Amino acid sequence: MNGKYIVDLFQNHIEGNIIVYHDDYPIYNCLNGICPHFAINHSNGEYADGDICTNNAENRFSLLRPFLQNYRGISKYNLQEYAILHNFTDCVFSNL
């Protein structure tokens, strides 16, 4: 993955005004001038800065892997559909 991939992703698949919160991985520097973005520097022991944190994204990814283990042998071509299903079930059960 490189900065060009990130820029292409944002320009081709993301609409509207967004703010990106990310860790301190340098690849995200390519977002300068594309959208507002804020980094949390985990290497300096920083895990939140006011409303800025990456815990929600890290939490979601930690729940996705166990969800996918229920469906053995997932093809990379179908992964998006399983991720959508996980997102849907997560939204439904969190609003009960």
PDB file of N, CA and C in Angstrom:
ATOM      1  N   MET A   1       0.861  -1.166   0.000  1.00  0.00           N
ATOM      2  CA  MET A   1       0.000   0.000   0.000  1.00  0.00           C
ATOM      3  C   MET A   1       0.904   1.225   0.000  1.00  0.00           C
ATOM      4  N   ASN A   2       0.475   2.226  -0.729  1.00  0.00           N
ATOM      5  CA  ASN A   2       1.252   3.459  -0.784  1.00  0.00           C
ATOM      6  C   ASN A   2       0.312   4.665  -0.783  1.00  0.00           C
ATOM      7  N   GLY A   3       0.912   5.856  -0.741  1.00  0.00           N
ATOM      8  CA  GLY A   3       0.118   7.076  -0.701  1.00  0.00           C
ATOM      9  C   GLY A   3      -0.780   7.251  -1.907  1.00  0.00           C
ATOM     10  N   LYS A   4      -0.313   6.828  -3.079  1.00  0.00           N
ATOM     11  CA  LYS A   4      -1.130   6.946  -4.291  1.00  0.00           C
ATOM     12  C   LYS A   4      -2.407   6.119  -4.148  1.00  0.00           C
ATOM     13  N   TYR A   5      -2.294   4.932  -3.577  1.00  0.00           N
ATOM     14  CA  TYR A   5      -3.467   4.083  -3.362  1.00  0.00           C
ATOM     15  C   TYR A   5      -4.469   4.779  -2.438  1.00  0.00           C
ATOM     16  N   ILE A   6      -3.975   5.367  -1.362  1.00  0.00           N
ATOM     17  CA  ILE A   6      -4.842   6.066  -0.403  1.00  0.00           C
ATOM     18  C   ILE A   6      -5.544   7.241  -1.086  1.00  0.00           C
ATOM     19  N   VAL A   7      -4.796   8.034  -1.834  1.00  0.00           N
ATOM     20  CA  VAL A   7      -5.377   9.193  -2.524  1.00  0.00           C
ATOM     21  C   VAL A   7      -6.437   8.734  -3.520  1.00  0.00           C
ATOM     22  N   ASP A   8      -6.131   7.703  -4.323  1.00  0.00           N
ATOM     23  CA  ASP A   8      -7.109   7.173  -5.284  1.00  0.00           C
ATOM     24  C   ASP A   8      -8.366   6.686  -4.575  1.00  0.00           C
ATOM     25  N   LEU A   9      -8.184   6.012  -3.463  1.00  0.00           N
ATOM     26  CA  LEU A   9      -9.320   5.510  -2.689  1.00  0.00           C
ATOM     27  C   LEU A   9     -10.226   6.657  -2.254  1.00  0.00           C
ATOM     28  N   PHE A  10      -9.633   7.710  -1.735  1.00  0.00           N
ATOM     29  CA  PHE A  10     -10.421   8.851  -1.272  1.00  0.00           C
ATOM     30  C   PHE A  10     -11.096   9.579  -2.424  1.00  0.00           C
ATOM     31  N   GLN A  11     -10.390   9.756  -3.513  1.00  0.00           N
ATOM     32  CA  GLN A  11     -10.958  10.509  -4.625  1.00  0.00           C
ATOM     33  C   GLN A  11     -12.041   9.733  -5.367  1.00  0.00           C
ATOM     34  N   ASN A  12     -11.967   8.420  -5.372  1.00  0.00           N
ATOM     35  CA  ASN A  12     -12.916   7.620  -6.151  1.00  0.00           C
ATOM     36  C   ASN A  12     -14.054   7.006  -5.344  1.00  0.00           C
ATOM     37  N   HIS A  13     -13.908   6.933  -4.018  1.00  0.00           N
ATOM     38  CA  HIS A  13     -14.905   6.190  -3.251  1.00  0.00           C
ATOM     39  C   HIS A  13     -15.497   6.940  -2.068  1.00  0.00           C
ATOM     40  N   ILE A  14     -15.045   8.137  -1.798  1.00  0.00           N
ATOM     41  CA  ILE A  14     -15.527   8.853  -0.621  1.00  0.00           C
ATOM     42  C   ILE A  14     -16.114  10.180  -1.058  1.00  0.00           C
ATOM     43  N   GLU A  15     -17.335  10.443  -0.592  1.00  0.00           N
ATOM     44  CA  GLU A  15     -18.027  11.680  -0.949  1.00  0.00           C
ATOM     45  C   GLU A  15     -18.321  12.488   0.307  1.00  0.00           C
ATOM     46  N   GLY A  16     -18.467  13.766   0.124  1.00  0.00           N
ATOM     47  CA  GLY A  16     -18.886  14.625   1.221  1.00  0.00           C
ATOM     48  C   GLY A  16     -17.715  15.080   2.076  1.00  0.00           C
ATOM     49  N   ASN A  17     -18.067  15.826   3.094  1.00  0.00           N
ATOM     50  CA  ASN A  17     -17.061  16.338   4.018  1.00  0.00           C
ATOM     51  C   ASN A  17     -16.752  15.275   5.057  1.00  0.00           C
ATOM     52  N   ILE A  18     -15.508  14.895   5.146  1.00  0.00           N
ATOM     53  CA  ILE A  18     -15.104  13.893   6.125  1.00  0.00           C
ATOM     54  C   ILE A  18     -13.894  14.394   6.889  1.00  0.00           C
ATOM     55  N   ILE A  19     -13.692  13.819   8.044  1.00  0.00           N
ATOM     56  CA  ILE A  19     -12.483  14.025   8.835  1.00  0.00           C
ATOM     57  C   ILE A  19     -11.930  12.638   9.110  1.00  0.00           C
ATOM     58  N   VAL A  20     -10.642  12.461   8.892  1.00  0.00           N
ATOM     59  CA  VAL A  20     -10.012  11.158   9.085  1.00  0.00           C
ATOM     60  C   VAL A  20      -9.164  11.199  10.351  1.00  0.00           C
ATOM     61  N   TYR A  21      -9.365  10.214  11.210  1.00  0.00           N
ATOM     62  CA  TYR A  21      -8.539  10.019  12.399  1.00  0.00           C
ATOM     63  C   TYR A  21      -7.721   8.758  12.164  1.00  0.00           C
ATOM     64  N   HIS A  22      -6.427   8.843  12.346  1.00  0.00           N
ATOM     65  CA  HIS A  22      -5.570   7.698  12.048  1.00  0.00           C
ATOM     66  C   HIS A  22      -4.407   7.634  13.021  1.00  0.00           C
ATOM     67  N   ASP A  23      -3.681   6.515  12.955  1.00  0.00           N
ATOM     68  CA  ASP A  23      -2.480   6.403  13.766  1.00  0.00           C
ATOM     69  C   ASP A  23      -1.344   7.167  13.078  1.00  0.00           C
ATOM     70  N   ASP A  24      -0.146   7.049  13.603  1.00  0.00           N
ATOM     71  CA  ASP A  24       0.957   7.874  13.107  1.00  0.00           C
ATOM     72  C   ASP A  24       1.709   7.253  11.927  1.00  0.00           C
ATOM     73  N   TYR A  25       1.109   6.297  11.263  1.00  0.00           N
ATOM     74  CA  TYR A  25       1.745   5.690  10.090  1.00  0.00           C
ATOM     75  C   TYR A  25       1.928   6.770   9.019  1.00  0.00           C
ATOM     76  N   PRO A  26       3.148   6.978   8.525  1.00  0.00           N
ATOM     77  CA  PRO A  26       3.436   8.104   7.618  1.00  0.00           C
ATOM     78  C   PRO A  26       2.668   8.097   6.299  1.00  0.00           C
ATOM     79  N   ILE A  27       2.120   6.971   5.902  1.00  0.00           N
ATOM     80  CA  ILE A  27       1.411   6.908   4.619  1.00  0.00           C
ATOM     81  C   ILE A  27       0.250   7.901   4.567  1.00  0.00           C
ATOM     82  N   TYR A  28      -0.307   8.241   5.735  1.00  0.00           N
ATOM     83  CA  TYR A  28      -1.462   9.138   5.764  1.00  0.00           C
ATOM     84  C   TYR A  28      -1.098  10.597   5.517  1.00  0.00           C
ATOM     85  N   ASN A  29       0.180  10.922   5.470  1.00  0.00           N
ATOM     86  CA  ASN A  29       0.585  12.301   5.163  1.00  0.00           C
ATOM     87  C   ASN A  29       0.120  12.725   3.780  1.00  0.00           C
ATOM     88  N   CYS A  30      -0.169  11.761   2.917  1.00  0.00           N
ATOM     89  CA  CYS A  30      -0.644  12.077   1.567  1.00  0.00           C
ATOM     90  C   CYS A  30      -2.033  12.716   1.589  1.00  0.00           C
ATOM     91  N   LEU A  31      -2.712  12.694   2.735  1.00  0.00           N
ATOM     92  CA  LEU A  31      -4.051  13.285   2.829  1.00  0.00           C
ATOM     93  C   LEU A  31      -4.015  14.804   2.979  1.00  0.00           C
ATOM     94  N   ASN A  32      -2.824  15.361   3.173  1.00  0.00           N
ATOM     95  CA  ASN A  32      -2.710  16.825   3.271  1.00  0.00           C
ATOM     96  C   ASN A  32      -3.306  17.462   2.025  1.00  0.00           C
ATOM     97  N   GLY A  33      -4.231  18.379   2.206  1.00  0.00           N
ATOM     98  CA  GLY A  33      -4.868  19.065   1.095  1.00  0.00           C
ATOM     99  C   GLY A  33      -6.067  18.330   0.519  1.00  0.00           C
ATOM    100  N   ILE A  34      -6.282  17.072   0.888  1.00  0.00           N
ATOM    101  CA  ILE A  34      -7.429  16.308   0.388  1.00  0.00           C
ATOM    102  C   ILE A  34      -8.583  16.373   1.378  1.00  0.00           C
ATOM    103  N   CYS A  35      -8.272  16.195   2.651  1.00  0.00           N
ATOM    104  CA  CYS A  35      -9.301  16.266   3.694  1.00  0.00           C
ATOM    105  C   CYS A  35      -8.609  16.546   5.024  1.00  0.00           C
ATOM    106  N   PRO A  36      -9.362  17.078   5.986  1.00  0.00           N
ATOM    107  CA  PRO A  36      -8.777  17.261   7.312  1.00  0.00           C
ATOM    108  C   PRO A  36      -8.480  15.890   7.919  1.00  0.00           C
ATOM    109  N   HIS A  37      -7.307  15.756   8.522  1.00  0.00           N
ATOM    110  CA  HIS A  37      -6.971  14.492   9.170  1.00  0.00           C
ATOM    111  C   HIS A  37      -6.104  14.754  10.392  1.00  0.00           C
ATOM    112  N   PHE A  38      -6.261  13.887  11.372  1.00  0.00           N
ATOM    113  CA  PHE A  38      -5.569  14.033  12.643  1.00  0.00           C
ATOM    114  C   PHE A  38      -4.966  12.693  13.028  1.00  0.00           C
ATOM    115  N   ALA A  39      -3.749  12.740  13.539  1.00  0.00           N
ATOM    116  CA  ALA A  39      -3.036  11.515  13.895  1.00  0.00           C
ATOM    117  C   ALA A  39      -2.923  11.373  15.406  1.00  0.00           C
ATOM    118  N   ILE A  40      -2.994  10.135  15.840  1.00  0.00           N
ATOM    119  CA  ILE A  40      -2.696   9.768  17.220  1.00  0.00           C
ATOM    120  C   ILE A  40      -1.356   9.046  17.173  1.00  0.00           C
ATOM    121  N   ASN A  41      -0.391   9.546  17.912  1.00  0.00           N
ATOM    122  CA  ASN A  41       0.963   9.004  17.857  1.00  0.00           C
ATOM    123  C   ASN A  41       1.147   7.943  18.936  1.00  0.00           C
ATOM    124  N   HIS A  42       0.830   6.694  18.595  1.00  0.00           N
ATOM    125  CA  HIS A  42       0.952   5.592  19.553  1.00  0.00           C
ATOM    126  C   HIS A  42       2.407   5.396  19.993  1.00  0.00           C
ATOM    127  N   SER A  43       3.378   5.674  19.103  1.00  0.00           N
ATOM    128  CA  SER A  43       4.774   5.456  19.478  1.00  0.00           C
ATOM    129  C   SER A  43       5.245   6.380  20.593  1.00  0.00           C
ATOM    130  N   ASN A  44       4.555   7.492  20.778  1.00  0.00           N
ATOM    131  CA  ASN A  44       4.880   8.405  21.883  1.00  0.00           C
ATOM    132  C   ASN A  44       3.967   8.196  23.082  1.00  0.00           C
ATOM    133  N   GLY A  45       3.226   7.090  23.094  1.00  0.00           N
ATOM    134  CA  GLY A  45       2.338   6.805  24.216  1.00  0.00           C
ATOM    135  C   GLY A  45       1.037   7.578  24.166  1.00  0.00           C
ATOM    136  N   GLU A  46       0.713   8.172  23.038  1.00  0.00           N
ATOM    137  CA  GLU A  46      -0.527   8.934  22.890  1.00  0.00           C
ATOM    138  C   GLU A  46      -1.621   8.007  22.346  1.00  0.00           C
ATOM    139  N   TYR A  47      -2.752   7.964  23.021  1.00  0.00           N
ATOM    140  CA  TYR A  47      -3.845   7.093  22.585  1.00  0.00           C
ATOM    141  C   TYR A  47      -5.145   7.855  22.377  1.00  0.00           C
ATOM    142  N   ALA A  48      -5.192   9.094  22.798  1.00  0.00           N
ATOM    143  CA  ALA A  48      -6.359   9.949  22.572  1.00  0.00           C
ATOM    144  C   ALA A  48      -5.919  11.394  22.743  1.00  0.00           C
ATOM    145  N   ASP A  49      -6.612  12.268  22.045  1.00  0.00           N
ATOM    146  CA  ASP A  49      -6.355  13.702  22.155  1.00  0.00           C
ATOM    147  C   ASP A  49      -7.702  14.389  22.030  1.00  0.00           C
ATOM    148  N   GLY A  50      -8.358  14.590  23.160  1.00  0.00           N
ATOM    149  CA  GLY A  50      -9.716  15.134  23.133  1.00  0.00           C
ATOM    150  C   GLY A  50     -10.660  14.147  22.483  1.00  0.00           C
ATOM    151  N   ASP A  51     -11.322  14.561  21.408  1.00  0.00           N
ATOM    152  CA  ASP A  51     -12.244  13.676  20.689  1.00  0.00           C
ATOM    153  C   ASP A  51     -11.535  12.770  19.692  1.00  0.00           C
ATOM    154  N   ILE A  52     -10.256  12.953  19.514  1.00  0.00           N
ATOM    155  CA  ILE A  52      -9.514  12.194  18.508  1.00  0.00           C
ATOM    156  C   ILE A  52      -8.966  10.914  19.124  1.00  0.00           C
ATOM    157  N   CYS A  53      -9.372   9.783  18.570  1.00  0.00           N
ATOM    158  CA  CYS A  53      -8.809   8.497  18.976  1.00  0.00           C
ATOM    159  C   CYS A  53      -9.064   7.483  17.865  1.00  0.00           C
ATOM    160  N   THR A  54      -8.337   6.390  17.913  1.00  0.00           N
ATOM    161  CA  THR A  54      -8.513   5.334  16.913  1.00  0.00           C
ATOM    162  C   THR A  54      -9.092   4.075  17.538  1.00  0.00           C
ATOM    163  N   ASN A  55      -9.529   4.150  18.778  1.00  0.00           N
ATOM    164  CA  ASN A  55     -10.015   2.962  19.473  1.00  0.00           C
ATOM    165  C   ASN A  55     -11.226   2.339  18.800  1.00  0.00           C
ATOM    166  N   ASN A  56     -12.133   3.133  18.263  1.00  0.00           N
ATOM    167  CA  ASN A  56     -13.331   2.576  17.631  1.00  0.00           C
ATOM    168  C   ASN A  56     -12.956   1.711  16.428  1.00  0.00           C
ATOM    169  N   ALA A  57     -12.060   2.205  15.589  1.00  0.00           N
ATOM    170  CA  ALA A  57     -11.636   1.426  14.415  1.00  0.00           C
ATOM    171  C   ALA A  57     -10.901   0.163  14.842  1.00  0.00           C
ATOM    172  N   GLU A  58     -10.005   0.284  15.818  1.00  0.00           N
ATOM    173  CA  GLU A  58      -9.272  -0.888  16.283  1.00  0.00           C
ATOM    174  C   GLU A  58     -10.220  -1.900  16.915  1.00  0.00           C
ATOM    175  N   ASN A  59     -11.228  -1.413  17.631  1.00  0.00           N
ATOM    176  CA  ASN A  59     -12.218  -2.299  18.234  1.00  0.00           C
ATOM    177  C   ASN A  59     -12.998  -3.042  17.159  1.00  0.00           C
ATOM    178  N   ARG A  60     -13.425  -2.344  16.139  1.00  0.00           N
ATOM    179  CA  ARG A  60     -14.202  -2.982  15.054  1.00  0.00           C
ATOM    180  C   ARG A  60     -13.396  -4.082  14.375  1.00  0.00           C
ATOM    181  N   PHE A  61     -12.123  -3.801  14.095  1.00  0.00           N
ATOM    182  CA  PHE A  61     -11.296  -4.814  13.445  1.00  0.00           C
ATOM    183  C   PHE A  61     -11.067  -6.011  14.362  1.00  0.00           C
ATOM    184  N   SER A  62     -10.968  -5.778  15.670  1.00  0.00           N
ATOM    185  CA  SER A  62     -10.760  -6.900  16.589  1.00  0.00           C
ATOM    186  C   SER A  62     -11.990  -7.800  16.655  1.00  0.00           C
ATOM    187  N   LEU A  63     -13.165  -7.272  16.345  1.00  0.00           N
ATOM    188  CA  LEU A  63     -14.386  -8.079  16.347  1.00  0.00           C
ATOM    189  C   LEU A  63     -14.640  -8.755  15.004  1.00  0.00           C
ATOM    190  N   LEU A  64     -14.073  -8.222  13.943  1.00  0.00           N
ATOM    191  CA  LEU A  64     -14.318  -8.777  12.609  1.00  0.00           C
ATOM    192  C   LEU A  64     -13.686 -10.155  12.438  1.00  0.00           C
ATOM    193  N   ARG A  65     -12.464 -10.343  12.894  1.00  0.00           N
ATOM    194  CA  ARG A  65     -11.785 -11.626  12.707  1.00  0.00           C
ATOM    195  C   ARG A  65     -12.546 -12.786  13.358  1.00  0.00           C
ATOM    196  N   PRO A  66     -12.961 -12.685  14.633  1.00  0.00           N
ATOM    197  CA  PRO A  66     -13.743 -13.795  15.204  1.00  0.00           C
ATOM    198  C   PRO A  66     -15.059 -14.029  14.462  1.00  0.00           C
ATOM    199  N   PHE A  67     -15.678 -12.969  13.966  1.00  0.00           N
ATOM    200  CA  PHE A  67     -16.908 -13.115  13.182  1.00  0.00           C
ATOM    201  C   PHE A  67     -16.630 -13.927  11.922  1.00  0.00           C
ATOM    202  N   LEU A  68     -15.530 -13.630  11.246  1.00  0.00           N
ATOM    203  CA  LEU A  68     -15.197 -14.321  10.001  1.00  0.00           C
ATOM    204  C   LEU A  68     -14.807 -15.776  10.230  1.00  0.00           C
ATOM    205  N   GLN A  69     -14.313 -16.105  11.418  1.00  0.00           N
ATOM    206  CA  GLN A  69     -13.924 -17.485  11.696  1.00  0.00           C
ATOM    207  C   GLN A  69     -15.118 -18.429  11.668  1.00  0.00           C
ATOM    208  N   ASN A  70     -16.315 -17.903  11.839  1.00  0.00           N
ATOM    209  CA  ASN A  70     -17.522 -18.732  11.732  1.00  0.00           C
ATOM    210  C   ASN A  70     -17.748 -19.212  10.305  1.00  0.00           C
ATOM    211  N   TYR A  71     -17.206 -18.485   9.345  1.00  0.00           N
ATOM    212  CA  TYR A  71     -17.383 -18.806   7.928  1.00  0.00           C
ATOM    213  C   TYR A  71     -16.026 -19.224   7.368  1.00  0.00           C
ATOM    214  N   ARG A  72     -15.697 -20.471   7.514  1.00  0.00           N
ATOM    215  CA  ARG A  72     -14.372 -20.942   7.091  1.00  0.00           C
ATOM    216  C   ARG A  72     -14.248 -20.911   5.570  1.00  0.00           C
ATOM    217  N   GLY A  73     -13.067 -20.575   5.102  1.00  0.00           N
ATOM    218  CA  GLY A  73     -12.796 -20.614   3.676  1.00  0.00           C
ATOM    219  C   GLY A  73     -13.345 -19.441   2.889  1.00  0.00           C
ATOM    220  N   ILE A  74     -13.323 -18.250   3.475  1.00  0.00           N
ATOM    221  CA  ILE A  74     -13.845 -17.067   2.783  1.00  0.00           C
ATOM    222  C   ILE A  74     -12.883 -16.653   1.670  1.00  0.00           C
ATOM    223  N   SER A  75     -13.432 -16.441   0.515  1.00  0.00           N
ATOM    224  CA  SER A  75     -12.653 -15.965  -0.624  1.00  0.00           C
ATOM    225  C   SER A  75     -12.469 -14.453  -0.511  1.00  0.00           C
ATOM    226  N   LYS A  76     -11.336 -13.957  -0.986  1.00  0.00           N
ATOM    227  CA  LYS A  76     -11.115 -12.506  -0.949  1.00  0.00           C
ATOM    228  C   LYS A  76     -12.139 -11.776  -1.811  1.00  0.00           C
ATOM    229  N   TYR A  77     -12.716 -12.477  -2.770  1.00  0.00           N
ATOM    230  CA  TYR A  77     -13.726 -11.865  -3.637  1.00  0.00           C
ATOM    231  C   TYR A  77     -15.054 -11.660  -2.901  1.00  0.00           C
ATOM    232  N   ASN A  78     -15.281 -12.426  -1.843  1.00  0.00           N
ATOM    233  CA  ASN A  78     -16.522 -12.311  -1.072  1.00  0.00           C
ATOM    234  C   ASN A  78     -16.333 -11.592   0.258  1.00  0.00           C
ATOM    235  N   LEU A  79     -15.115 -11.211   0.564  1.00  0.00           N
ATOM    236  CA  LEU A  79     -14.830 -10.604   1.863  1.00  0.00           C
ATOM    237  C   LEU A  79     -15.663  -9.351   2.117  1.00  0.00           C
ATOM    238  N   GLN A  80     -15.858  -8.526   1.102  1.00  0.00           N
ATOM    239  CA  GLN A  80     -16.648  -7.298   1.262  1.00  0.00           C
ATOM    240  C   GLN A  80     -18.059  -7.616   1.733  1.00  0.00           C
ATOM    241  N   GLU A  81     -18.664  -8.660   1.174  1.00  0.00           N
ATOM    242  CA  GLU A  81     -20.035  -9.032   1.561  1.00  0.00           C
ATOM    243  C   GLU A  81     -20.091  -9.468   3.020  1.00  0.00           C
ATOM    244  N   TYR A  82     -19.082 -10.218   3.465  1.00  0.00           N
ATOM    245  CA  TYR A  82     -19.044 -10.634   4.866  1.00  0.00           C
ATOM    246  C   TYR A  82     -18.818  -9.432   5.785  1.00  0.00           C
ATOM    247  N   ALA A  83     -17.997  -8.482   5.364  1.00  0.00           N
ATOM    248  CA  ALA A  83     -17.769  -7.273   6.157  1.00  0.00           C
ATOM    249  C   ALA A  83     -19.057  -6.454   6.267  1.00  0.00           C
ATOM    250  N   ILE A  84     -19.824  -6.389   5.182  1.00  0.00           N
ATOM    251  CA  ILE A  84     -21.117  -5.689   5.208  1.00  0.00           C
ATOM    252  C   ILE A  84     -22.076  -6.396   6.158  1.00  0.00           C
ATOM    253  N   LEU A  85     -22.103  -7.728   6.108  1.00  0.00           N
ATOM    254  CA  LEU A  85     -22.958  -8.501   7.018  1.00  0.00           C
ATOM    255  C   LEU A  85     -22.558  -8.256   8.468  1.00  0.00           C
ATOM    256  N   HIS A  86     -21.261  -8.246   8.735  1.00  0.00           N
ATOM    257  CA  HIS A  86     -20.791  -7.985  10.101  1.00  0.00           C
ATOM    258  C   HIS A  86     -21.213  -6.600  10.568  1.00  0.00           C
ATOM    259  N   ASN A  87     -21.062  -5.607   9.717  1.00  0.00           N
ATOM    260  CA  ASN A  87     -21.452  -4.241  10.054  1.00  0.00           C
ATOM    261  C   ASN A  87     -22.948  -4.161  10.341  1.00  0.00           C
ATOM    262  N   PHE A  88     -23.748  -4.822   9.507  1.00  0.00           N
ATOM    263  CA  PHE A  88     -25.198  -4.819   9.689  1.00  0.00           C
ATOM    264  C   PHE A  88     -25.579  -5.465  11.018  1.00  0.00           C
ATOM    265  N   THR A  89     -25.043  -6.653  11.295  1.00  0.00           N
ATOM    266  CA  THR A  89     -25.409  -7.338  12.542  1.00  0.00           C
ATOM    267  C   THR A  89     -24.921  -6.556  13.751  1.00  0.00           C
ATOM    268  N   ASP A  90     -23.762  -5.921  13.636  1.00  0.00           N
ATOM    269  CA  ASP A  90     -23.251  -5.113  14.735  1.00  0.00           C
ATOM    270  C   ASP A  90     -24.184  -3.938  15.013  1.00  0.00           C
ATOM    271  N   CYS A  91     -24.672  -3.282  13.957  1.00  0.00           N
ATOM    272  CA  CYS A  91     -25.596  -2.152  14.123  1.00  0.00           C
ATOM    273  C   CYS A  91     -26.925  -2.610  14.712  1.00  0.00           C
ATOM    274  N   VAL A  92     -27.446  -3.727  14.229  1.00  0.00           N
ATOM    275  CA  VAL A  92     -28.736  -4.227  14.717  1.00  0.00           C
ATOM    276  C   VAL A  92     -28.646  -4.580  16.193  1.00  0.00           C
ATOM    277  N   PHE A  93     -27.630  -5.359  16.570  1.00  0.00           N
ATOM    278  CA  PHE A  93     -27.545  -5.816  17.952  1.00  0.00           C
ATOM    279  C   PHE A  93     -27.134  -4.718  18.918  1.00  0.00           C
ATOM    280  N   SER A  94     -26.440  -3.697  18.453  1.00  0.00           N
ATOM    281  CA  SER A  94     -26.067  -2.609  19.353  1.00  0.00           C
ATOM    282  C   SER A  94     -27.239  -1.661  19.608  1.00  0.00           C
ATOM    283  N   ASN A  95     -28.289  -1.748  18.786  1.00  0.00           N
ATOM    284  CA  ASN A  95     -29.456  -0.878  18.960  1.00  0.00           C
ATOM    285  C   ASN A  95     -30.654  -1.586  19.576  1.00  0.00           C
ATOM    286  N   LEU A  96     -30.461  -2.801  20.075  1.00  0.00           N
ATOM    287  CA  LEU A  96     -31.580  -3.518  20.708  1.00  0.00           C
ATOM    288  C   LEU A  96     -31.846  -2.997  22.095  1.00  0.00           C
TER     289      LEU A  96
END
